[in-house]
Every structure is written in C-alpha cells, then in structure tokens.
Amino acid sequence: YWLLNVKDNEAAWVNRNDFIFSDGTNLL
C-alpha cells in the first residue's frame, strides 16, 4: 500500500508487505 511521502518528482514510497530486503527495510 502507498505511504504518504514521495521519494522525488516521479516516485513515492510503498510498504512492501512483510518482506525484509537485503538493506533491512520494508519500504520500496
């Protein structure tokens, strides 16, 4: 699901299920 904050003019942050990536974050 979408989060409120943007990354830049073209992208915004998303909560990526409960999957933990190699960088240790749930956000993409």
PDB file of all heavy atoms in Angstrom:
ATOM      1  N   TYR A   1       0.836  -1.196   0.000  1.00  0.00           N
ATOM      2  CA  TYR A   1       0.000   0.000   0.000  1.00  0.00           C
ATOM      3  C   TYR A   1       0.873   1.250   0.000  1.00  0.00           C
ATOM      4  O   TYR A   1       2.000   1.248   0.488  1.00  0.00           O
ATOM      5  CB  TYR A   1      -0.961   0.000   1.195  1.00  0.00           C
ATOM      6  CG  TYR A   1      -0.295  -0.011   2.558  1.00  0.00           C
ATOM      7  CD1 TYR A   1      -0.035   1.173   3.252  1.00  0.00           C
ATOM      8  CD2 TYR A   1       0.058  -1.214   3.173  1.00  0.00           C
ATOM      9  CE1 TYR A   1       0.560   1.151   4.507  1.00  0.00           C
ATOM     10  CE2 TYR A   1       0.643  -1.248   4.414  1.00  0.00           C
ATOM     11  CZ  TYR A   1       0.898  -0.050   5.084  1.00  0.00           C
ATOM     12  OH  TYR A   1       1.483  -0.067   6.320  1.00  0.00           O
ATOM     13  N   TRP A   2       0.325   2.322  -0.562  1.00  0.00           N
ATOM     14  CA  TRP A   2       1.061   3.587  -0.652  1.00  0.00           C
ATOM     15  C   TRP A   2       1.270   4.224   0.714  1.00  0.00           C
ATOM     16  O   TRP A   2       0.373   4.205   1.571  1.00  0.00           O
ATOM     17  CB  TRP A   2       0.280   4.584  -1.509  1.00  0.00           C
ATOM     18  CG  TRP A   2       0.249   4.318  -2.979  1.00  0.00           C
ATOM     19  CD1 TRP A   2      -0.830   3.908  -3.720  1.00  0.00           C
ATOM     20  CD2 TRP A   2       1.339   4.458  -3.902  1.00  0.00           C
ATOM     21  NE1 TRP A   2      -0.480   3.780  -5.032  1.00  0.00           N
ATOM     22  CE2 TRP A   2       0.842   4.110  -5.185  1.00  0.00           C
ATOM     23  CE3 TRP A   2       2.676   4.826  -3.776  1.00  0.00           C
ATOM     24  CZ2 TRP A   2       1.635   4.132  -6.326  1.00  0.00           C
ATOM     25  CZ3 TRP A   2       3.465   4.852  -4.916  1.00  0.00           C
ATOM     26  CH2 TRP A   2       2.961   4.518  -6.167  1.00  0.00           C
ATOM     27  N   LEU A   3       2.446   4.817   0.920  1.00  0.00           N
ATOM     28  CA  LEU A   3       2.690   5.714   2.036  1.00  0.00           C
ATOM     29  C   LEU A   3       2.604   7.151   1.523  1.00  0.00           C
ATOM     30  O   LEU A   3       2.575   7.396   0.313  1.00  0.00           O
ATOM     31  CB  LEU A   3       4.054   5.435   2.659  1.00  0.00           C
ATOM     32  CG  LEU A   3       4.207   4.033   3.263  1.00  0.00           C
ATOM     33  CD1 LEU A   3       5.617   3.836   3.794  1.00  0.00           C
ATOM     34  CD2 LEU A   3       3.198   3.798   4.374  1.00  0.00           C
ATOM     35  N   LEU A   4       2.572   8.105   2.433  1.00  0.00           N
ATOM     36  CA  LEU A   4       2.339   9.485   2.027  1.00  0.00           C
ATOM     37  C   LEU A   4       3.553  10.138   1.379  1.00  0.00           C
ATOM     38  O   LEU A   4       3.430  10.906   0.421  1.00  0.00           O
ATOM     39  CB  LEU A   4       1.885  10.298   3.249  1.00  0.00           C
ATOM     40  CG  LEU A   4       1.411  11.720   3.000  1.00  0.00           C
ATOM     41  CD1 LEU A   4       0.281  12.080   3.930  1.00  0.00           C
ATOM     42  CD2 LEU A   4       2.537  12.729   3.158  1.00  0.00           C
ATOM     43  N   ASN A   5       4.733   9.835   1.866  1.00  0.00           N
ATOM     44  CA  ASN A   5       5.925  10.568   1.451  1.00  0.00           C
ATOM     45  C   ASN A   5       6.384  10.195   0.047  1.00  0.00           C
ATOM     46  O   ASN A   5       6.360   9.029  -0.334  1.00  0.00           O
ATOM     47  CB  ASN A   5       7.070  10.310   2.437  1.00  0.00           C
ATOM     48  CG  ASN A   5       6.641  10.477   3.874  1.00  0.00           C
ATOM     49  OD1 ASN A   5       6.045   9.560   4.428  1.00  0.00           O
ATOM     50  ND2 ASN A   5       6.930  11.610   4.459  1.00  0.00           N
ATOM     51  N   VAL A   6       6.823  11.192  -0.685  1.00  0.00           N
ATOM     52  CA  VAL A   6       7.394  10.944  -2.008  1.00  0.00           C
ATOM     53  C   VAL A   6       8.896  10.735  -1.874  1.00  0.00           C
ATOM     54  O   VAL A   6       9.521  11.151  -0.900  1.00  0.00           O
ATOM     55  CB  VAL A   6       7.107  12.115  -2.975  1.00  0.00           C
ATOM     56  CG1 VAL A   6       5.613  12.283  -3.182  1.00  0.00           C
ATOM     57  CG2 VAL A   6       7.746  13.404  -2.481  1.00  0.00           C
ATOM     58  N   LYS A   7       9.457  10.103  -2.887  1.00  0.00           N
ATOM     59  CA  LYS A   7      10.908   9.977  -2.983  1.00  0.00           C
ATOM     60  C   LYS A   7      11.474  11.137  -3.808  1.00  0.00           C
ATOM     61  O   LYS A   7      12.470  11.760  -3.451  1.00  0.00           O
ATOM     62  CB  LYS A   7      11.285   8.651  -3.634  1.00  0.00           C
ATOM     63  CG  LYS A   7      12.782   8.481  -3.881  1.00  0.00           C
ATOM     64  CD  LYS A   7      13.046   7.208  -4.660  1.00  0.00           C
ATOM     65  CE  LYS A   7      14.520   7.078  -5.026  1.00  0.00           C
ATOM     66  NZ  LYS A   7      14.774   5.894  -5.879  1.00  0.00           N
ATOM     67  N   ASP A   8      10.801  11.417  -4.910  1.00  0.00           N
ATOM     68  CA  ASP A   8      11.181  12.530  -5.778  1.00  0.00           C
ATOM     69  C   ASP A   8       9.969  12.862  -6.640  1.00  0.00           C
ATOM     70  O   ASP A   8       8.843  12.440  -6.327  1.00  0.00           O
ATOM     71  CB  ASP A   8      12.398  12.163  -6.646  1.00  0.00           C
ATOM     72  CG  ASP A   8      12.230  10.824  -7.353  1.00  0.00           C
ATOM     73  OD1 ASP A   8      11.105  10.555  -7.849  1.00  0.00           O
ATOM     74  OD2 ASP A   8      13.189  10.044  -7.385  1.00  0.00           O
ATOM     75  N   ASN A   9      10.164  13.597  -7.722  1.00  0.00           N
ATOM     76  CA  ASN A   9       9.042  14.018  -8.568  1.00  0.00           C
ATOM     77  C   ASN A   9       8.352  12.851  -9.271  1.00  0.00           C
ATOM     78  O   ASN A   9       7.230  12.993  -9.747  1.00  0.00           O
ATOM     79  CB  ASN A   9       9.526  15.011  -9.629  1.00  0.00           C
ATOM     80  CG  ASN A   9       9.815  16.374  -9.016  1.00  0.00           C
ATOM     81  OD1 ASN A   9       9.610  16.579  -7.829  1.00  0.00           O
ATOM     82  ND2 ASN A   9      10.293  17.293  -9.822  1.00  0.00           N
ATOM     83  N   GLU A  10       9.002  11.697  -9.347  1.00  0.00           N
ATOM     84  CA  GLU A  10       8.456  10.596 -10.132  1.00  0.00           C
ATOM     85  C   GLU A  10       8.077   9.373  -9.311  1.00  0.00           C
ATOM     86  O   GLU A  10       7.436   8.466  -9.835  1.00  0.00           O
ATOM     87  CB  GLU A  10       9.475  10.176 -11.207  1.00  0.00           C
ATOM     88  CG  GLU A  10       9.795  11.277 -12.208  1.00  0.00           C
ATOM     89  CD  GLU A  10      10.796  10.820 -13.254  1.00  0.00           C
ATOM     90  OE1 GLU A  10      11.322   9.692 -13.101  1.00  0.00           O
ATOM     91  OE2 GLU A  10      11.044  11.585 -14.190  1.00  0.00           O
ATOM     92  N   ALA A  11       8.457   9.332  -8.047  1.00  0.00           N
ATOM     93  CA  ALA A  11       8.241   8.116  -7.262  1.00  0.00           C
ATOM     94  C   ALA A  11       7.791   8.439  -5.845  1.00  0.00           C
ATOM     95  O   ALA A  11       8.084   9.520  -5.310  1.00  0.00           O
ATOM     96  CB  ALA A  11       9.518   7.272  -7.221  1.00  0.00           C
ATOM     97  N   ALA A  12       7.057   7.504  -5.246  1.00  0.00           N
ATOM     98  CA  ALA A  12       6.628   7.629  -3.859  1.00  0.00           C
ATOM     99  C   ALA A  12       6.887   6.301  -3.146  1.00  0.00           C
ATOM    100  O   ALA A  12       7.123   5.271  -3.778  1.00  0.00           O
ATOM    101  CB  ALA A  12       5.144   7.986  -3.799  1.00  0.00           C
ATOM    102  N   TRP A  13       6.828   6.339  -1.812  1.00  0.00           N
ATOM    103  CA  TRP A  13       7.184   5.163  -1.009  1.00  0.00           C
ATOM    104  C   TRP A  13       5.984   4.259  -0.767  1.00  0.00           C
ATOM    105  O   TRP A  13       4.838   4.711  -0.651  1.00  0.00           O
ATOM    106  CB  TRP A  13       7.799   5.597   0.324  1.00  0.00           C
ATOM    107  CG  TRP A  13       9.117   6.269   0.135  1.00  0.00           C
ATOM    108  CD1 TRP A  13       9.371   7.610   0.192  1.00  0.00           C
ATOM    109  CD2 TRP A  13      10.361   5.638  -0.196  1.00  0.00           C
ATOM    110  NE1 TRP A  13      10.703   7.859  -0.077  1.00  0.00           N
ATOM    111  CE2 TRP A  13      11.331   6.671  -0.316  1.00  0.00           C
ATOM    112  CE3 TRP A  13      10.755   4.322  -0.400  1.00  0.00           C
ATOM    113  CZ2 TRP A  13      12.665   6.410  -0.620  1.00  0.00           C
ATOM    114  CZ3 TRP A  13      12.081   4.054  -0.708  1.00  0.00           C
ATOM    115  CH2 TRP A  13      13.024   5.093  -0.813  1.00  0.00           C
ATOM    116  N   VAL A  14       6.279   2.970  -0.663  1.00  0.00           N
ATOM    117  CA  VAL A  14       5.269   1.937  -0.502  1.00  0.00           C
ATOM    118  C   VAL A  14       5.712   0.987   0.594  1.00  0.00           C
ATOM    119  O   VAL A  14       6.906   0.685   0.721  1.00  0.00           O
ATOM    120  CB  VAL A  14       5.086   1.158  -1.834  1.00  0.00           C
ATOM    121  CG1 VAL A  14       4.222  -0.072  -1.635  1.00  0.00           C
ATOM    122  CG2 VAL A  14       4.506   2.063  -2.905  1.00  0.00           C
ATOM    123  N   ASN A  15       4.763   0.539   1.410  1.00  0.00           N
ATOM    124  CA  ASN A  15       5.054  -0.542   2.350  1.00  0.00           C
ATOM    125  C   ASN A  15       4.995  -1.855   1.599  1.00  0.00           C
ATOM    126  O   ASN A  15       3.973  -2.209   1.023  1.00  0.00           O
ATOM    127  CB  ASN A  15       4.027  -0.545   3.486  1.00  0.00           C
ATOM    128  CG  ASN A  15       4.313  -1.623   4.499  1.00  0.00           C
ATOM    129  OD1 ASN A  15       4.112  -2.795   4.243  1.00  0.00           O
ATOM    130  ND2 ASN A  15       4.794  -1.226   5.655  1.00  0.00           N
ATOM    131  N   ARG A  16       6.097  -2.557   1.590  1.00  0.00           N
ATOM    132  CA  ARG A  16       6.252  -3.770   0.767  1.00  0.00           C
ATOM    133  C   ARG A  16       5.949  -5.011   1.593  1.00  0.00           C
ATOM    134  O   ARG A  16       6.841  -5.764   1.964  1.00  0.00           O
ATOM    135  CB  ARG A  16       7.659  -3.805   0.181  1.00  0.00           C
ATOM    136  CG  ARG A  16       7.999  -5.027  -0.667  1.00  0.00           C
ATOM    137  CD  ARG A  16       7.039  -5.206  -1.856  1.00  0.00           C
ATOM    138  NE  ARG A  16       7.477  -6.272  -2.742  1.00  0.00           N
ATOM    139  CZ  ARG A  16       7.182  -7.550  -2.566  1.00  0.00           C
ATOM    140  NH1 ARG A  16       6.465  -7.927  -1.520  1.00  0.00           N
ATOM    141  NH2 ARG A  16       7.610  -8.461  -3.428  1.00  0.00           N
ATOM    142  N   ASN A  17       4.666  -5.219   1.922  1.00  0.00           N
ATOM    143  CA  ASN A  17       4.249  -6.406   2.671  1.00  0.00           C
ATOM    144  C   ASN A  17       5.111  -6.580   3.929  1.00  0.00           C
ATOM    145  O   ASN A  17       5.569  -5.634   4.544  1.00  0.00           O
ATOM    146  CB  ASN A  17       4.334  -7.663   1.800  1.00  0.00           C
ATOM    147  CG  ASN A  17       3.439  -7.574   0.579  1.00  0.00           C
ATOM    148  OD1 ASN A  17       2.831  -6.545   0.333  1.00  0.00           O
ATOM    149  ND2 ASN A  17       3.357  -8.632  -0.173  1.00  0.00           N
ATOM    150  N   ASP A  18       5.357  -7.800   4.333  1.00  0.00           N
ATOM    151  CA  ASP A  18       6.215  -8.055   5.481  1.00  0.00           C
ATOM    152  C   ASP A  18       7.550  -8.646   5.034  1.00  0.00           C
ATOM    153  O   ASP A  18       8.237  -9.314   5.787  1.00  0.00           O
ATOM    154  CB  ASP A  18       5.529  -8.996   6.475  1.00  0.00           C
ATOM    155  CG  ASP A  18       5.091 -10.301   5.816  1.00  0.00           C
ATOM    156  OD1 ASP A  18       5.332 -10.447   4.604  1.00  0.00           O
ATOM    157  OD2 ASP A  18       4.511 -11.147   6.508  1.00  0.00           O
ATOM    158  N   PHE A  19       7.893  -8.397   3.801  1.00  0.00           N
ATOM    159  CA  PHE A  19       9.140  -8.954   3.260  1.00  0.00           C
ATOM    160  C   PHE A  19      10.303  -8.019   3.558  1.00  0.00           C
ATOM    161  O   PHE A  19      10.239  -6.819   3.269  1.00  0.00           O
ATOM    162  CB  PHE A  19       9.005  -9.159   1.751  1.00  0.00           C
ATOM    163  CG  PHE A  19      10.183  -9.858   1.130  1.00  0.00           C
ATOM    164  CD1 PHE A  19      10.306 -11.243   1.212  1.00  0.00           C
ATOM    165  CD2 PHE A  19      11.170  -9.155   0.475  1.00  0.00           C
ATOM    166  CE1 PHE A  19      11.385 -11.901   0.648  1.00  0.00           C
ATOM    167  CE2 PHE A  19      12.250  -9.798  -0.097  1.00  0.00           C
ATOM    168  CZ  PHE A  19      12.352 -11.177  -0.003  1.00  0.00           C
ATOM    169  N   ILE A  20      11.361  -8.512   4.157  1.00  0.00           N
ATOM    170  CA  ILE A  20      12.526  -7.702   4.504  1.00  0.00           C
ATOM    171  C   ILE A  20      13.602  -7.876   3.435  1.00  0.00           C
ATOM    172  O   ILE A  20      14.044  -8.984   3.151  1.00  0.00           O
ATOM    173  CB  ILE A  20      13.104  -8.108   5.876  1.00  0.00           C
ATOM    174  CG1 ILE A  20      12.027  -7.980   6.951  1.00  0.00           C
ATOM    175  CG2 ILE A  20      14.311  -7.265   6.216  1.00  0.00           C
ATOM    176  CD1 ILE A  20      11.484  -6.583   7.117  1.00  0.00           C
ATOM    177  N   PHE A  21      13.996  -6.760   2.841  1.00  0.00           N
ATOM    178  CA  PHE A  21      15.006  -6.811   1.789  1.00  0.00           C
ATOM    179  C   PHE A  21      16.414  -6.774   2.387  1.00  0.00           C
ATOM    180  O   PHE A  21      16.600  -6.547   3.585  1.00  0.00           O
ATOM    181  CB  PHE A  21      14.790  -5.648   0.821  1.00  0.00           C
ATOM    182  CG  PHE A  21      13.578  -5.847  -0.053  1.00  0.00           C
ATOM    183  CD1 PHE A  21      12.317  -5.534   0.419  1.00  0.00           C
ATOM    184  CD2 PHE A  21      13.694  -6.382  -1.317  1.00  0.00           C
ATOM    185  CE1 PHE A  21      11.195  -5.729  -0.363  1.00  0.00           C
ATOM    186  CE2 PHE A  21      12.580  -6.588  -2.106  1.00  0.00           C
ATOM    187  CZ  PHE A  21      11.335  -6.254  -1.638  1.00  0.00           C
ATOM    188  N   SER A  22      17.401  -6.930   1.523  1.00  0.00           N
ATOM    189  CA  SER A  22      18.788  -7.017   1.978  1.00  0.00           C
ATOM    190  C   SER A  22      19.256  -5.741   2.659  1.00  0.00           C
ATOM    191  O   SER A  22      20.184  -5.770   3.460  1.00  0.00           O
ATOM    192  CB  SER A  22      19.704  -7.337   0.794  1.00  0.00           C
ATOM    193  OG  SER A  22      19.584  -6.351  -0.217  1.00  0.00           O
ATOM    194  N   ASP A  23      18.614  -4.606   2.367  1.00  0.00           N
ATOM    195  CA  ASP A  23      19.029  -3.366   3.018  1.00  0.00           C
ATOM    196  C   ASP A  23      18.336  -3.170   4.367  1.00  0.00           C
ATOM    197  O   ASP A  23      18.499  -2.136   5.019  1.00  0.00           O
ATOM    198  CB  ASP A  23      18.761  -2.156   2.114  1.00  0.00           C
ATOM    199  CG  ASP A  23      17.290  -2.018   1.742  1.00  0.00           C
ATOM    200  OD1 ASP A  23      16.495  -2.863   2.180  1.00  0.00           O
ATOM    201  OD2 ASP A  23      16.949  -1.066   1.029  1.00  0.00           O
ATOM    202  N   GLY A  24      17.542  -4.151   4.786  1.00  0.00           N
ATOM    203  CA  GLY A  24      16.939  -4.108   6.111  1.00  0.00           C
ATOM    204  C   GLY A  24      15.711  -3.244   6.229  1.00  0.00           C
ATOM    205  O   GLY A  24      15.347  -2.842   7.329  1.00  0.00           O
ATOM    206  N   THR A  25      15.039  -2.938   5.131  1.00  0.00           N
ATOM    207  CA  THR A  25      13.860  -2.086   5.219  1.00  0.00           C
ATOM    208  C   THR A  25      12.658  -2.752   4.580  1.00  0.00           C
ATOM    209  O   THR A  25      12.793  -3.611   3.717  1.00  0.00           O
ATOM    210  CB  THR A  25      14.108  -0.734   4.520  1.00  0.00           C
ATOM    211  OG1 THR A  25      12.926   0.054   4.624  1.00  0.00           O
ATOM    212  CG2 THR A  25      14.434  -0.928   3.045  1.00  0.00           C
ATOM    213  N   ASN A  26      11.475  -2.367   5.020  1.00  0.00           N
ATOM    214  CA  ASN A  26      10.229  -2.860   4.443  1.00  0.00           C
ATOM    215  C   ASN A  26       9.717  -1.956   3.343  1.00  0.00           C
ATOM    216  O   ASN A  26       8.655  -2.226   2.778  1.00  0.00           O
ATOM    217  CB  ASN A  26       9.136  -2.939   5.527  1.00  0.00           C
ATOM    218  CG  ASN A  26       9.470  -3.920   6.611  1.00  0.00           C
ATOM    219  OD1 ASN A  26      10.295  -3.648   7.470  1.00  0.00           O
ATOM    220  ND2 ASN A  26       8.815  -5.069   6.590  1.00  0.00           N
ATOM    221  N   LEU A  27      10.408  -0.873   3.062  1.00  0.00           N
ATOM    222  CA  LEU A  27       9.885   0.153   2.177  1.00  0.00           C
ATOM    223  C   LEU A  27      10.573   0.139   0.818  1.00  0.00           C
ATOM    224  O   LEU A  27      11.787  -0.040   0.726  1.00  0.00           O
ATOM    225  CB  LEU A  27      10.050   1.530   2.830  1.00  0.00           C
ATOM    226  CG  LEU A  27       9.543   1.630   4.277  1.00  0.00           C
ATOM    227  CD1 LEU A  27       9.791   3.016   4.822  1.00  0.00           C
ATOM    228  CD2 LEU A  27       8.070   1.274   4.354  1.00  0.00           C
ATOM    229  N   LEU A  28       9.774   0.346  -0.220  1.00  0.00           N
ATOM    230  CA  LEU A  28      10.279   0.463  -1.572  1.00  0.00           C
ATOM    231  C   LEU A  28       9.682   1.705  -2.210  1.00  0.00           C
ATOM    232  O   LEU A  28       8.610   2.166  -1.804  1.00  0.00           O
ATOM    233  CB  LEU A  28       9.897  -0.755  -2.422  1.00  0.00           C
ATOM    234  CG  LEU A  28      10.584  -2.077  -2.128  1.00  0.00           C
ATOM    235  CD1 LEU A  28       9.988  -3.154  -3.023  1.00  0.00           C
ATOM    236  CD2 LEU A  28      12.077  -1.964  -2.372  1.00  0.00           C
TER     237      LEU A  28
END
